[in-house]
Amino acid sequence: MPILKTIRVIKTDKDTKEIIRADFKFGIYEDPECTKLIKEVTSDQENGVVIFEDLRYGVYYIKELQAPKGYQLSNKTIKVEINDEGTFADEELLEDNEDICEFTFANKKVPKIQTGYELNRTLLIVSAIISLLGIGAGIVVLKKKKQENN
């Protein structure tokens, strides 16, 4: 019987290190150029992971295919090697817990672009109040002048 391993990829936010529980996809490939797709896996949104099951000894390449909403798609490829010495992700030995090995894959949020149309709400309210007071004062002055002329 061949020895089979399961690889669990945990999706995290690069800055906060929190698990991202959202919709995303990863692919596992035979080649480093990621042209020979073995399998595509959609995330378990409840746990923020993708799971590649029943992998035999060999070398695989894992790449993000779809980033979570609000995050940048990473072009990073993780080399996963399974052999007699253990399971490695980018040459780093992974802890083996009942034939399940896991590593984290971090994503950066999409940067917010300042358009120049975002206004400070307080400044807008204060400006409106001052304008209304100015218009009210102008109306009072005009009424007084009109009464003086009559």
N, C-alpha and C. Protein backbone atom coordinates (compact mmCIF):
# COMPACT_ATOMS: atom_id res chain seq x y z
N MET A 1 0.84 -1.20 0.00
CA MET A 1 0.00 0.00 0.00
C MET A 1 0.88 1.25 0.00
N PRO A 2 0.57 2.20 -0.88
CA PRO A 2 1.35 3.45 -0.88
C PRO A 2 1.01 4.29 0.35
N ILE A 3 1.98 5.08 0.76
CA ILE A 3 1.75 6.02 1.87
C ILE A 3 1.15 7.29 1.27
N LEU A 4 0.00 7.69 1.77
CA LEU A 4 -0.70 8.86 1.24
C LEU A 4 -0.72 9.96 2.29
N LYS A 5 -0.56 11.17 1.84
CA LYS A 5 -0.55 12.34 2.74
C LYS A 5 -1.67 13.30 2.33
N THR A 6 -2.07 14.11 3.28
CA THR A 6 -3.04 15.17 3.04
C THR A 6 -2.36 16.49 3.37
N ILE A 7 -2.49 17.44 2.46
CA ILE A 7 -1.92 18.78 2.65
C ILE A 7 -3.07 19.75 2.87
N ARG A 8 -2.98 20.48 3.95
CA ARG A 8 -3.99 21.48 4.30
C ARG A 8 -3.34 22.86 4.20
N VAL A 9 -3.92 23.72 3.37
CA VAL A 9 -3.42 25.09 3.20
C VAL A 9 -4.38 26.03 3.93
N ILE A 10 -3.84 26.75 4.93
CA ILE A 10 -4.64 27.68 5.72
C ILE A 10 -4.42 29.09 5.17
N LYS A 11 -5.51 29.76 4.81
CA LYS A 11 -5.44 31.10 4.22
C LYS A 11 -5.49 32.14 5.33
N THR A 12 -4.47 33.03 5.37
CA THR A 12 -4.42 34.08 6.40
C THR A 12 -4.22 35.46 5.78
N ASP A 13 -4.57 36.47 6.54
CA ASP A 13 -4.32 37.86 6.16
C ASP A 13 -2.86 38.16 6.48
N LYS A 14 -2.15 38.73 5.54
CA LYS A 14 -0.71 38.98 5.71
C LYS A 14 -0.42 39.92 6.88
N ASP A 15 -1.26 40.90 7.10
CA ASP A 15 -1.01 41.89 8.15
C ASP A 15 -1.52 41.46 9.52
N THR A 16 -2.76 40.98 9.57
CA THR A 16 -3.36 40.64 10.87
C THR A 16 -3.09 39.20 11.30
N LYS A 17 -2.68 38.36 10.36
CA LYS A 17 -2.43 36.93 10.60
C LYS A 17 -3.71 36.15 10.93
N GLU A 18 -4.88 36.77 10.76
CA GLU A 18 -6.14 36.10 11.01
C GLU A 18 -6.50 35.19 9.84
N ILE A 19 -7.21 34.12 10.13
CA ILE A 19 -7.66 33.19 9.09
C ILE A 19 -8.73 33.88 8.26
N ILE A 20 -8.63 33.74 6.94
CA ILE A 20 -9.60 34.33 6.02
C ILE A 20 -10.64 33.25 5.70
N ARG A 21 -11.84 33.45 6.18
CA ARG A 21 -12.92 32.49 5.93
C ARG A 21 -13.76 33.04 4.78
N ALA A 22 -13.36 32.71 3.56
CA ALA A 22 -14.02 33.24 2.37
C ALA A 22 -13.87 32.24 1.23
N ASP A 23 -14.38 32.61 0.08
CA ASP A 23 -14.31 31.78 -1.11
C ASP A 23 -12.98 32.04 -1.83
N PHE A 24 -12.18 31.00 -2.01
CA PHE A 24 -10.94 31.09 -2.78
C PHE A 24 -10.62 29.71 -3.35
N LYS A 25 -9.67 29.66 -4.31
CA LYS A 25 -9.32 28.39 -4.95
C LYS A 25 -7.81 28.25 -5.06
N PHE A 26 -7.36 27.00 -4.96
CA PHE A 26 -5.97 26.65 -5.19
C PHE A 26 -5.91 25.50 -6.18
N GLY A 27 -4.79 25.42 -6.88
CA GLY A 27 -4.55 24.30 -7.78
C GLY A 27 -3.28 23.61 -7.37
N ILE A 28 -3.22 22.30 -7.63
CA ILE A 28 -2.00 21.53 -7.39
C ILE A 28 -1.53 21.03 -8.76
N TYR A 29 -0.22 21.19 -9.01
CA TYR A 29 0.35 20.93 -10.34
C TYR A 29 1.50 19.93 -10.27
N GLU A 30 1.80 19.35 -11.43
CA GLU A 30 2.92 18.42 -11.56
C GLU A 30 4.24 19.14 -11.81
N ASP A 31 4.17 20.33 -12.40
CA ASP A 31 5.38 21.02 -12.86
C ASP A 31 5.52 22.41 -12.23
N PRO A 32 6.77 22.90 -12.10
CA PRO A 32 6.99 24.21 -11.47
C PRO A 32 6.41 25.39 -12.25
N GLU A 33 6.16 25.21 -13.54
CA GLU A 33 5.58 26.28 -14.36
C GLU A 33 4.06 26.35 -14.19
N CYS A 34 3.51 25.36 -13.48
CA CYS A 34 2.07 25.26 -13.22
C CYS A 34 1.25 25.21 -14.51
N THR A 35 1.65 24.31 -15.40
CA THR A 35 0.92 24.10 -16.65
C THR A 35 0.16 22.77 -16.64
N LYS A 36 0.57 21.83 -15.78
CA LYS A 36 -0.06 20.51 -15.73
C LYS A 36 -0.86 20.37 -14.44
N LEU A 37 -2.11 20.83 -14.51
CA LEU A 37 -2.99 20.83 -13.35
C LEU A 37 -3.40 19.40 -12.98
N ILE A 38 -3.22 19.06 -11.72
CA ILE A 38 -3.66 17.77 -11.21
C ILE A 38 -5.09 17.91 -10.67
N LYS A 39 -5.29 18.94 -9.86
CA LYS A 39 -6.59 19.13 -9.23
C LYS A 39 -6.77 20.58 -8.79
N GLU A 40 -8.00 21.05 -8.89
CA GLU A 40 -8.37 22.37 -8.41
C GLU A 40 -9.27 22.18 -7.20
N VAL A 41 -9.01 22.93 -6.12
CA VAL A 41 -9.80 22.76 -4.89
C VAL A 41 -10.34 24.12 -4.44
N THR A 42 -11.64 24.14 -4.14
CA THR A 42 -12.29 25.34 -3.61
C THR A 42 -12.22 25.29 -2.09
N SER A 43 -12.18 26.45 -1.49
CA SER A 43 -12.00 26.56 -0.03
C SER A 43 -13.19 26.04 0.76
N ASP A 44 -12.86 25.62 1.97
CA ASP A 44 -13.86 25.35 3.00
C ASP A 44 -14.00 26.68 3.72
N GLN A 45 -15.06 27.42 3.39
CA GLN A 45 -15.21 28.79 3.90
C GLN A 45 -15.37 28.85 5.42
N GLU A 46 -15.89 27.81 6.00
CA GLU A 46 -16.08 27.79 7.45
C GLU A 46 -14.75 27.77 8.20
N ASN A 47 -13.76 27.07 7.63
CA ASN A 47 -12.46 26.93 8.29
C ASN A 47 -11.34 27.73 7.64
N GLY A 48 -11.57 28.29 6.45
CA GLY A 48 -10.55 29.07 5.76
C GLY A 48 -9.38 28.24 5.26
N VAL A 49 -9.69 27.03 4.72
CA VAL A 49 -8.64 26.13 4.25
C VAL A 49 -9.01 25.49 2.92
N VAL A 50 -7.99 25.00 2.22
CA VAL A 50 -8.19 24.06 1.11
C VAL A 50 -7.42 22.80 1.49
N ILE A 51 -7.94 21.66 1.05
CA ILE A 51 -7.34 20.39 1.42
C ILE A 51 -7.07 19.56 0.18
N PHE A 52 -5.82 19.13 0.04
CA PHE A 52 -5.41 18.22 -1.04
C PHE A 52 -5.20 16.86 -0.39
N GLU A 53 -6.05 15.90 -0.75
CA GLU A 53 -6.02 14.59 -0.10
C GLU A 53 -5.34 13.53 -0.96
N ASP A 54 -4.86 12.50 -0.27
CA ASP A 54 -4.32 11.29 -0.89
C ASP A 54 -3.18 11.55 -1.87
N LEU A 55 -2.20 12.33 -1.42
CA LEU A 55 -1.03 12.61 -2.25
C LEU A 55 0.05 11.55 -1.99
N ARG A 56 0.58 10.99 -3.04
CA ARG A 56 1.65 10.00 -2.94
C ARG A 56 2.99 10.71 -2.82
N TYR A 57 4.03 9.94 -2.53
CA TYR A 57 5.38 10.49 -2.50
C TYR A 57 5.65 11.16 -3.85
N GLY A 58 6.29 12.32 -3.82
CA GLY A 58 6.61 13.04 -5.04
C GLY A 58 6.72 14.53 -4.78
N VAL A 59 6.84 15.27 -5.88
CA VAL A 59 6.96 16.73 -5.82
C VAL A 59 5.73 17.33 -6.48
N TYR A 60 5.14 18.31 -5.80
CA TYR A 60 3.94 18.99 -6.29
C TYR A 60 4.16 20.50 -6.16
N TYR A 61 3.32 21.23 -6.88
CA TYR A 61 3.39 22.69 -6.84
C TYR A 61 1.98 23.22 -6.61
N ILE A 62 1.84 24.01 -5.56
CA ILE A 62 0.53 24.55 -5.19
C ILE A 62 0.52 26.05 -5.47
N LYS A 63 -0.56 26.49 -6.15
CA LYS A 63 -0.67 27.89 -6.54
C LYS A 63 -2.11 28.37 -6.34
N GLU A 64 -2.22 29.62 -5.92
CA GLU A 64 -3.54 30.22 -5.75
C GLU A 64 -4.15 30.53 -7.11
N LEU A 65 -5.40 30.12 -7.31
CA LEU A 65 -6.09 30.38 -8.57
C LEU A 65 -7.11 31.51 -8.46
N GLN A 66 -7.70 31.64 -7.28
CA GLN A 66 -8.68 32.69 -7.04
C GLN A 66 -8.51 33.19 -5.62
N ALA A 67 -8.26 34.48 -5.48
CA ALA A 67 -8.06 35.07 -4.15
C ALA A 67 -9.42 35.37 -3.50
N PRO A 68 -9.43 35.46 -2.17
CA PRO A 68 -10.66 35.86 -1.49
C PRO A 68 -11.03 37.29 -1.90
N LYS A 69 -12.31 37.59 -1.85
CA LYS A 69 -12.77 38.94 -2.20
C LYS A 69 -12.09 39.97 -1.30
N GLY A 70 -11.56 41.02 -1.92
CA GLY A 70 -10.88 42.07 -1.17
C GLY A 70 -9.39 41.84 -1.00
N TYR A 71 -8.88 40.73 -1.54
CA TYR A 71 -7.46 40.40 -1.43
C TYR A 71 -6.83 40.26 -2.82
N GLN A 72 -5.52 40.52 -2.88
CA GLN A 72 -4.78 40.39 -4.13
C GLN A 72 -4.48 38.93 -4.42
N LEU A 73 -4.56 38.54 -5.69
CA LEU A 73 -4.18 37.20 -6.12
C LEU A 73 -2.67 37.09 -6.05
N SER A 74 -2.18 36.07 -5.38
CA SER A 74 -0.74 35.88 -5.25
C SER A 74 -0.20 35.10 -6.44
N ASN A 75 0.99 35.46 -6.89
CA ASN A 75 1.63 34.70 -7.97
C ASN A 75 2.65 33.71 -7.41
N LYS A 76 2.65 33.54 -6.10
CA LYS A 76 3.59 32.65 -5.42
C LYS A 76 3.20 31.19 -5.67
N THR A 77 4.22 30.36 -5.91
CA THR A 77 4.04 28.93 -6.07
C THR A 77 4.80 28.23 -4.95
N ILE A 78 4.12 27.33 -4.24
CA ILE A 78 4.73 26.58 -3.14
C ILE A 78 5.12 25.21 -3.63
N LYS A 79 6.38 24.86 -3.47
CA LYS A 79 6.86 23.53 -3.84
C LYS A 79 6.64 22.61 -2.63
N VAL A 80 5.89 21.53 -2.85
CA VAL A 80 5.61 20.56 -1.80
C VAL A 80 6.26 19.25 -2.19
N GLU A 81 7.10 18.74 -1.29
CA GLU A 81 7.78 17.48 -1.55
C GLU A 81 7.45 16.50 -0.44
N ILE A 82 7.01 15.32 -0.84
CA ILE A 82 6.68 14.25 0.10
C ILE A 82 7.64 13.11 -0.16
N ASN A 83 8.42 12.73 0.87
CA ASN A 83 9.38 11.64 0.71
C ASN A 83 9.59 10.91 2.04
N ASP A 84 10.59 10.02 2.08
CA ASP A 84 10.86 9.22 3.29
C ASP A 84 11.23 10.08 4.50
N GLU A 85 11.76 11.28 4.25
CA GLU A 85 12.22 12.14 5.34
C GLU A 85 11.11 13.03 5.89
N GLY A 86 9.98 13.09 5.20
CA GLY A 86 8.86 13.92 5.66
C GLY A 86 8.18 14.66 4.53
N THR A 87 7.40 15.64 4.91
CA THR A 87 6.69 16.48 3.95
C THR A 87 7.24 17.90 4.09
N PHE A 88 7.63 18.47 2.97
CA PHE A 88 8.27 19.78 2.95
C PHE A 88 7.48 20.76 2.09
N ALA A 89 7.36 22.00 2.56
CA ALA A 89 6.78 23.09 1.78
C ALA A 89 7.87 24.14 1.63
N ASP A 90 8.31 24.35 0.39
CA ASP A 90 9.44 25.26 0.12
C ASP A 90 10.63 24.94 1.02
N GLU A 91 11.00 23.67 1.05
CA GLU A 91 12.17 23.15 1.76
C GLU A 91 12.02 23.17 3.30
N GLU A 92 10.88 23.57 3.82
CA GLU A 92 10.66 23.61 5.26
C GLU A 92 9.83 22.38 5.68
N LEU A 93 10.35 21.63 6.65
CA LEU A 93 9.68 20.43 7.12
C LEU A 93 8.37 20.79 7.81
N LEU A 94 7.30 20.14 7.39
CA LEU A 94 5.99 20.38 7.99
C LEU A 94 5.72 19.34 9.07
N GLU A 95 5.02 19.77 10.10
CA GLU A 95 4.64 18.84 11.16
C GLU A 95 3.60 17.88 10.62
N ASP A 96 3.79 16.59 10.89
CA ASP A 96 2.90 15.55 10.41
C ASP A 96 1.98 15.12 11.54
N ASN A 97 0.69 15.38 11.38
CA ASN A 97 -0.29 15.04 12.39
C ASN A 97 -1.28 14.05 11.77
N GLU A 98 -1.04 12.75 12.00
CA GLU A 98 -1.89 11.69 11.44
C GLU A 98 -2.00 11.79 9.92
N ASP A 99 -0.87 11.91 9.25
CA ASP A 99 -0.77 12.00 7.79
C ASP A 99 -1.38 13.27 7.21
N ILE A 100 -1.62 14.28 8.06
CA ILE A 100 -2.09 15.58 7.59
C ILE A 100 -1.01 16.61 7.90
N CYS A 101 -0.55 17.28 6.87
CA CYS A 101 0.46 18.34 7.03
C CYS A 101 -0.18 19.65 6.60
N GLU A 102 0.17 20.73 7.30
CA GLU A 102 -0.44 22.00 6.95
C GLU A 102 0.57 23.13 6.95
N PHE A 103 0.25 24.15 6.16
CA PHE A 103 1.04 25.38 6.15
C PHE A 103 0.10 26.53 5.85
N THR A 104 0.55 27.74 6.18
CA THR A 104 -0.27 28.93 5.94
C THR A 104 0.15 29.61 4.64
N PHE A 105 -0.81 30.25 4.02
CA PHE A 105 -0.59 31.00 2.79
C PHE A 105 -1.24 32.37 3.01
N ALA A 106 -0.42 33.41 3.08
CA ALA A 106 -0.92 34.76 3.41
C ALA A 106 -1.21 35.57 2.16
N ASN A 107 -2.26 36.39 2.25
CA ASN A 107 -2.63 37.31 1.18
C ASN A 107 -2.67 38.74 1.69
N LYS A 108 -2.33 39.67 0.79
CA LYS A 108 -2.43 41.09 1.10
C LYS A 108 -3.79 41.60 0.64
N LYS A 109 -4.32 42.53 1.39
CA LYS A 109 -5.58 43.16 0.98
C LYS A 109 -5.33 44.03 -0.24
N VAL A 110 -6.37 44.19 -1.05
CA VAL A 110 -6.30 45.09 -2.19
C VAL A 110 -6.20 46.50 -1.64
N PRO A 111 -5.21 47.30 -2.07
CA PRO A 111 -5.08 48.65 -1.52
C PRO A 111 -6.27 49.53 -1.91
N LYS A 112 -6.68 50.36 -0.96
CA LYS A 112 -7.77 51.29 -1.24
C LYS A 112 -7.20 52.48 -1.99
N ILE A 113 -7.86 52.84 -3.08
CA ILE A 113 -7.40 53.94 -3.92
C ILE A 113 -8.17 55.19 -3.53
N GLN A 114 -7.44 56.26 -3.21
CA GLN A 114 -8.06 57.53 -2.86
C GLN A 114 -8.47 58.23 -4.15
N THR A 115 -9.76 58.49 -4.30
CA THR A 115 -10.24 59.11 -5.53
C THR A 115 -10.30 60.63 -5.43
N GLY A 116 -10.21 61.18 -4.25
CA GLY A 116 -10.30 62.63 -4.09
C GLY A 116 -11.72 63.09 -3.84
N TYR A 117 -12.70 62.21 -3.95
CA TYR A 117 -14.09 62.58 -3.74
C TYR A 117 -14.58 62.22 -2.34
N GLU A 118 -13.72 61.62 -1.56
CA GLU A 118 -14.11 61.27 -0.21
C GLU A 118 -14.00 62.51 0.68
N LEU A 119 -15.12 62.90 1.28
CA LEU A 119 -15.15 64.11 2.09
C LEU A 119 -15.26 63.77 3.56
N ASN A 120 -14.74 64.63 4.36
CA ASN A 120 -14.89 64.49 5.80
C ASN A 120 -16.32 64.90 6.14
N ARG A 121 -17.10 63.99 6.71
CA ARG A 121 -18.51 64.23 7.00
C ARG A 121 -18.71 65.43 7.93
N THR A 122 -17.88 65.57 8.93
CA THR A 122 -18.01 66.68 9.87
C THR A 122 -17.81 68.02 9.16
N LEU A 123 -16.81 68.09 8.32
CA LEU A 123 -16.55 69.32 7.57
C LEU A 123 -17.74 69.67 6.68
N LEU A 124 -18.33 68.68 6.07
CA LEU A 124 -19.48 68.90 5.20
C LEU A 124 -20.67 69.43 6.00
N ILE A 125 -20.94 68.88 7.16
CA ILE A 125 -22.07 69.32 8.00
C ILE A 125 -21.85 70.74 8.50
N VAL A 126 -20.64 71.04 8.98
CA VAL A 126 -20.33 72.38 9.48
C VAL A 126 -20.48 73.41 8.34
N SER A 127 -20.01 73.08 7.16
CA SER A 127 -20.14 74.00 6.01
C SER A 127 -21.60 74.25 5.68
N ALA A 128 -22.42 73.21 5.73
CA ALA A 128 -23.85 73.37 5.43
C ALA A 128 -24.53 74.27 6.46
N ILE A 129 -24.20 74.10 7.73
CA ILE A 129 -24.79 74.91 8.79
C ILE A 129 -24.40 76.38 8.63
N ILE A 130 -23.12 76.63 8.36
CA ILE A 130 -22.65 78.01 8.16
C ILE A 130 -23.34 78.64 6.96
N SER A 131 -23.50 77.88 5.89
CA SER A 131 -24.18 78.39 4.70
C SER A 131 -25.64 78.74 5.00
N LEU A 132 -26.34 77.87 5.72
CA LEU A 132 -27.73 78.14 6.07
C LEU A 132 -27.85 79.38 6.96
N LEU A 133 -26.93 79.53 7.92
CA LEU A 133 -26.94 80.72 8.78
C LEU A 133 -26.70 81.98 7.95
N GLY A 134 -25.78 81.90 6.99
CA GLY A 134 -25.50 83.06 6.13
C GLY A 134 -26.69 83.43 5.27
N ILE A 135 -27.37 82.42 4.73
CA ILE A 135 -28.56 82.69 3.91
C ILE A 135 -29.66 83.29 4.79
N GLY A 136 -29.85 82.75 5.98
CA GLY A 136 -30.87 83.29 6.90
C GLY A 136 -30.57 84.74 7.27
N ALA A 137 -29.32 85.05 7.58
CA ALA A 137 -28.94 86.43 7.92
C ALA A 137 -29.16 87.34 6.72
N GLY A 138 -28.86 86.89 5.54
CA GLY A 138 -29.06 87.69 4.33
C GLY A 138 -30.52 88.01 4.11
N ILE A 139 -31.39 87.04 4.35
CA ILE A 139 -32.83 87.26 4.18
C ILE A 139 -33.33 88.30 5.20
N VAL A 140 -32.88 88.21 6.45
CA VAL A 140 -33.28 89.16 7.49
C VAL A 140 -32.84 90.57 7.10
N VAL A 141 -31.60 90.73 6.63
CA VAL A 141 -31.10 92.05 6.23
C VAL A 141 -31.91 92.60 5.07
N LEU A 142 -32.23 91.77 4.09
CA LEU A 142 -33.02 92.24 2.94
C LEU A 142 -34.42 92.67 3.36
N LYS A 143 -35.05 91.95 4.28
CA LYS A 143 -36.39 92.30 4.75
C LYS A 143 -36.35 93.65 5.49
N LYS A 144 -35.31 93.88 6.31
CA LYS A 144 -35.19 95.14 7.04
C LYS A 144 -35.03 96.30 6.06
N LYS A 145 -34.21 96.15 5.02
CA LYS A 145 -34.00 97.21 4.03
C LYS A 145 -35.31 97.50 3.28
N LYS A 146 -36.04 96.43 2.96
CA LYS A 146 -37.29 96.59 2.23
C LYS A 146 -38.30 97.36 3.11
N GLN A 147 -38.33 97.06 4.41
CA GLN A 147 -39.26 97.74 5.31
C GLN A 147 -38.85 99.22 5.50
N GLU A 148 -37.54 99.50 5.49
CA GLU A 148 -37.08 100.88 5.63
C GLU A 148 -37.43 101.70 4.40
N ASN A 149 -37.39 101.09 3.22
CA ASN A 149 -37.70 101.80 1.98
C ASN A 149 -39.19 102.06 1.84
N ASN A 150 -40.02 101.32 2.47
CA ASN A 150 -41.47 101.51 2.38
C ASN A 150 -41.91 102.47 3.41
